[in-house]
Amino acid sequence: METVSLQKKDQPPAPPEHIAIIMDGNGRWAQAKGLPRTVGHQRGADAVRNTVKASIALGVRYLTLFGFSSENWKRPAGEIKDLMGLLRFYLKKEISELDRQGICLKVIGDRERLEPDIVSLIDGAEIQTAGNTRLTLTIALSYGGRSEITAAARRIAEDVLAGTLAIGNIDEAALSSRLYTADMPDPDLLIRTSGEERISNFLLWQLAYSELVFTDVLWPDFSEEHLTNAVQEFHNRERRYGATGG
């Protein structure tokens, strides 16, 4: 018997369930305009707001943004101070609106390097939005993929020593369940802005079979159109997960 496709020909393809974005180019955007780097970061925050709105319109369920890497701590102290100030500002200003829109906020990364008041703001925001299901917005702060995997391996070792995990039961699922992203699917699509074509220690485990799209646009200029174009490119790909094509 001939199999009938569940998707009608005139229906658009389903959107990626999970999109991850490396937001790159704030500083270069500001420099090109003769503005302080802080202005670039402010405009970058506007691009985040627009991307969240566009993701919801497209039907995306998970959006993960690389906000501040573990390597970014090497930046000049003044820039880090400005970035942390912006983070405080937006955590205070935006959470009620995210909650109103039904967005669940999660933050992944090494919180021990963040100031206690920022950690408290993050904790409060996560608690306030925990029950929302329209979109899960995850921000990676003080995050590094290798550190994440190392921490998961350490937890596995601790569980083995405690007798709660048998060595024979160590598998991919065991490690995945100990990552920051244990409660969400792996990204279907990774987008990186600013023309750079590398993943920069971001979601190293989770991106194993993600489609990668690189765009020359600097992050502050990233728009709904750019997101839609990236999703269209995603739909033009054949995802084989190691198997041969049809």
Protein backbone atom coordinates (compact mmCIF):
# COMPACT_ATOMS: atom_id res chain seq x y z
CA MET A 1 0.00 0.00 0.00
CA GLU A 2 1.31 3.42 -0.93
CA THR A 3 2.25 5.58 2.06
CA VAL A 4 0.43 8.90 2.16
CA SER A 5 2.46 11.88 3.37
CA LEU A 6 1.01 13.56 6.45
CA GLN A 7 2.15 16.97 5.19
CA LYS A 8 0.16 18.48 2.36
CA LYS A 9 2.11 19.86 -0.56
CA ASP A 10 0.74 23.36 -0.06
CA GLN A 11 1.76 23.46 3.62
CA PRO A 12 5.10 25.02 4.58
CA PRO A 13 7.64 22.70 6.22
CA ALA A 14 7.74 22.62 9.98
CA PRO A 15 10.21 25.10 11.49
CA PRO A 16 13.34 23.92 13.28
CA GLU A 17 12.34 22.98 16.81
CA HIS A 18 15.55 24.41 18.27
CA ILE A 19 17.69 27.21 16.84
CA ALA A 20 21.02 28.22 18.38
CA ILE A 21 22.74 31.48 17.48
CA ILE A 22 26.28 32.76 18.01
CA MET A 23 25.65 36.51 18.19
CA ASP A 24 28.83 38.01 16.77
CA GLY A 25 29.76 41.48 15.57
CA ASN A 26 28.54 43.99 18.18
CA GLY A 27 31.97 45.55 18.58
CA ARG A 28 32.69 45.70 14.87
CA TRP A 29 29.29 47.24 14.23
CA ALA A 30 30.04 50.02 16.72
CA GLN A 31 33.59 50.52 15.46
CA ALA A 32 32.40 50.88 11.87
CA LYS A 33 30.10 53.67 12.98
CA GLY A 34 32.64 55.39 15.22
CA LEU A 35 30.64 54.51 18.34
CA PRO A 36 31.67 53.00 21.70
CA ARG A 37 31.48 49.19 21.85
CA THR A 38 28.83 49.52 24.53
CA VAL A 39 26.46 51.02 21.96
CA GLY A 40 27.02 47.94 19.81
CA HIS A 41 26.05 45.72 22.72
CA GLN A 42 22.94 47.81 23.33
CA ARG A 43 21.90 47.46 19.70
CA GLY A 44 22.70 43.78 19.97
CA ALA A 45 20.15 43.52 22.79
CA ASP A 46 17.57 45.05 20.44
CA ALA A 47 18.42 42.33 17.90
CA VAL A 48 17.82 39.71 20.60
CA ARG A 49 14.37 41.13 21.25
CA ASN A 50 13.54 41.08 17.53
CA THR A 51 14.87 37.55 17.10
CA VAL A 52 12.78 36.26 19.99
CA LYS A 53 9.68 37.79 18.42
CA ALA A 54 10.54 36.36 14.99
CA SER A 55 11.23 32.91 16.44
CA ILE A 56 7.82 32.82 18.07
CA ALA A 57 6.20 33.88 14.78
CA LEU A 58 7.98 31.04 12.97
CA GLY A 59 6.88 28.47 15.54
CA VAL A 60 10.33 27.75 16.99
CA ARG A 61 10.11 26.13 20.44
CA TYR A 62 13.70 26.59 21.67
CA LEU A 63 16.06 29.49 21.04
CA THR A 64 19.57 29.37 22.52
CA LEU A 65 21.83 32.42 22.29
CA PHE A 66 25.57 32.61 22.98
CA GLY A 67 25.75 35.77 25.05
CA PHE A 68 29.12 35.66 26.84
CA SER A 69 31.72 32.92 26.58
CA SER A 70 34.17 31.71 29.20
CA GLU A 71 36.90 33.17 26.98
CA ASN A 72 35.21 36.60 26.98
CA TRP A 73 36.46 37.14 30.54
CA LYS A 74 39.80 37.97 28.88
CA ARG A 75 38.34 41.17 27.43
CA PRO A 76 39.27 44.57 28.90
CA ALA A 77 37.89 45.08 32.41
CA GLY A 78 35.98 48.19 31.34
CA GLU A 79 34.12 46.35 28.59
CA ILE A 80 33.27 43.47 30.92
CA LYS A 81 31.94 45.96 33.48
CA ASP A 82 29.76 47.58 30.83
CA LEU A 83 28.47 44.19 29.65
CA MET A 84 27.59 43.12 33.18
CA GLY A 85 25.83 46.45 33.69
CA LEU A 86 23.75 45.85 30.58
CA LEU A 87 22.99 42.34 31.77
CA ARG A 88 21.70 43.67 35.09
CA PHE A 89 19.61 46.28 33.29
CA TYR A 90 17.93 43.83 30.94
CA LEU A 91 17.36 41.19 33.62
CA LYS A 92 15.47 43.80 35.62
CA LYS A 93 13.66 45.39 32.67
CA GLU A 94 12.74 42.52 30.36
CA ILE A 95 11.69 39.61 32.57
CA SER A 96 8.13 40.76 33.18
CA GLU A 97 7.63 41.17 29.43
CA LEU A 98 9.13 37.72 28.72
CA ASP A 99 6.80 36.26 31.33
CA ARG A 100 3.81 38.06 29.81
CA GLN A 101 4.66 36.58 26.41
CA GLY A 102 4.83 33.05 27.82
CA ILE A 103 8.60 32.73 27.40
CA CYS A 104 10.61 30.50 29.72
CA LEU A 105 14.09 31.90 30.41
CA LYS A 106 17.05 29.67 31.19
CA VAL A 107 20.69 30.64 31.68
CA ILE A 108 23.50 28.12 31.20
CA GLY A 109 27.17 28.50 32.07
CA ASP A 110 29.51 28.94 35.02
CA ARG A 111 27.63 31.18 37.44
CA GLU A 112 30.47 31.17 39.97
CA ARG A 113 32.25 33.86 37.94
CA LEU A 114 29.22 36.15 37.91
CA GLU A 115 28.55 38.70 40.64
CA PRO A 116 26.13 37.48 43.36
CA ASP A 117 23.49 40.09 42.52
CA ILE A 118 23.47 38.95 38.88
CA VAL A 119 23.10 35.33 39.97
CA SER A 120 20.16 36.35 42.17
CA LEU A 121 18.52 38.15 39.25
CA ILE A 122 18.99 35.08 37.04
CA ASP A 123 17.58 32.76 39.68
CA GLY A 124 14.54 34.98 40.14
CA ALA A 125 13.95 35.26 36.39
CA GLU A 126 14.14 31.49 35.93
CA ILE A 127 11.71 30.89 38.79
CA GLN A 128 9.28 33.54 37.53
CA THR A 129 9.15 32.14 33.98
CA ALA A 130 9.55 28.43 34.74
CA GLY A 131 5.96 27.52 33.89
CA ASN A 132 5.92 29.19 30.46
CA THR A 133 5.85 26.99 27.36
CA ARG A 134 5.50 29.27 24.32
CA LEU A 135 9.27 29.51 23.79
CA THR A 136 12.26 28.41 25.85
CA LEU A 137 14.87 31.15 25.58
CA THR A 138 18.28 29.99 26.79
CA ILE A 139 21.15 32.43 27.23
CA ALA A 140 24.68 31.04 27.50
CA LEU A 141 26.65 33.23 29.93
CA SER A 142 30.19 32.54 31.09
CA TYR A 143 29.77 29.41 29.01
CA GLY A 144 32.27 27.05 27.38
CA GLY A 145 31.44 23.78 25.66
CA ARG A 146 34.55 21.95 26.81
CA SER A 147 33.95 23.01 30.41
CA GLU A 148 30.37 21.79 30.17
CA ILE A 149 31.45 18.35 28.94
CA THR A 150 34.21 18.18 31.56
CA ALA A 151 31.72 18.98 34.33
CA ALA A 152 29.35 16.29 33.02
CA ALA A 153 32.19 13.74 33.00
CA ARG A 154 33.06 14.73 36.57
CA ARG A 155 29.47 14.15 37.66
CA ILE A 156 29.53 10.73 36.02
CA ALA A 157 32.71 9.86 37.93
CA GLU A 158 31.14 11.04 41.19
CA ASP A 159 28.06 8.90 40.56
CA VAL A 160 30.21 5.85 39.81
CA LEU A 161 32.16 6.37 43.04
CA ALA A 162 28.90 6.80 44.95
CA GLY A 163 27.60 3.54 43.53
CA THR A 164 24.58 5.14 41.82
CA LEU A 165 25.87 4.55 38.28
CA ALA A 166 27.45 1.37 36.96
CA ILE A 167 30.40 1.74 34.60
CA GLY A 168 28.58 -0.41 32.08
CA ASN A 169 25.73 2.10 32.01
CA ILE A 170 27.91 5.02 30.93
CA ASP A 171 26.70 5.93 27.46
CA GLU A 172 25.77 8.99 25.42
CA ALA A 173 22.46 9.32 27.23
CA ALA A 174 24.22 9.30 30.59
CA LEU A 175 26.46 12.17 29.56
CA SER A 176 23.68 14.12 27.82
CA SER A 177 21.55 13.96 30.95
CA ARG A 178 24.31 15.73 32.88
CA LEU A 179 24.70 18.66 30.49
CA TYR A 180 23.15 22.09 31.02
CA THR A 181 20.77 21.32 28.15
CA ALA A 182 19.53 17.97 29.47
CA ASP A 183 15.88 19.03 29.32
CA MET A 184 15.84 20.28 25.72
CA PRO A 185 16.44 18.79 22.26
CA ASP A 186 19.72 19.36 20.46
CA PRO A 187 19.72 22.34 18.06
CA ASP A 188 18.48 21.63 14.56
CA LEU A 189 20.09 24.80 13.24
CA LEU A 190 23.07 26.90 14.31
CA ILE A 191 23.41 30.44 12.96
CA ARG A 192 26.54 32.55 13.33
CA THR A 193 26.65 36.19 12.33
CA SER A 194 29.49 38.54 11.26
CA GLY A 195 31.08 36.30 8.63
CA GLU A 196 33.04 34.08 11.01
CA GLU A 197 32.73 30.37 10.27
CA ARG A 198 33.53 28.48 13.46
CA ILE A 199 31.55 27.36 16.52
CA SER A 200 33.91 28.83 19.14
CA ASN A 201 33.45 26.27 21.93
CA PHE A 202 29.65 26.57 21.81
CA LEU A 203 27.44 23.52 22.46
CA LEU A 204 30.16 21.14 21.27
CA TRP A 205 28.24 17.99 22.20
CA GLN A 206 24.81 19.25 21.17
CA LEU A 207 25.79 20.47 17.69
CA ALA A 208 26.89 17.03 16.47
CA TYR A 209 24.21 16.88 13.75
CA SER A 210 23.05 20.47 13.56
CA GLU A 211 22.91 22.32 10.27
CA LEU A 212 25.27 25.30 10.26
CA VAL A 213 24.42 28.60 8.57
CA PHE A 214 26.91 31.48 8.48
CA THR A 215 25.94 35.01 7.52
CA ASP A 216 28.02 38.13 6.97
CA VAL A 217 25.51 40.41 8.71
CA LEU A 218 26.70 41.84 12.03
CA TRP A 219 24.51 40.90 14.97
CA PRO A 220 23.00 44.37 15.64
CA ASP A 221 21.69 44.32 12.06
CA PHE A 222 20.25 40.79 12.30
CA SER A 223 16.55 40.94 11.43
CA GLU A 224 13.50 38.76 11.01
CA GLU A 225 14.37 38.52 7.32
CA HIS A 226 17.83 37.14 8.11
CA LEU A 227 16.33 34.56 10.45
CA THR A 228 13.75 33.55 7.87
CA ASN A 229 16.46 33.19 5.22
CA ALA A 230 18.51 30.96 7.53
CA VAL A 231 15.48 28.77 8.20
CA GLN A 232 14.83 28.55 4.47
CA GLU A 233 18.40 27.40 3.92
CA PHE A 234 17.88 24.84 6.67
CA HIS A 235 14.84 23.48 4.80
CA ASN A 236 16.94 23.14 1.66
CA ARG A 237 19.35 20.81 3.43
CA GLU A 238 18.99 17.02 3.58
CA ARG A 239 19.62 15.85 7.15
CA ARG A 240 20.96 12.29 6.98
CA TYR A 241 22.52 11.79 10.44
CA GLY A 242 25.30 9.70 8.94
CA ALA A 243 23.06 7.65 6.63
CA THR A 244 23.08 7.78 2.84
CA GLY A 245 20.74 10.08 0.98
CA GLY A 246 17.57 9.07 -0.77
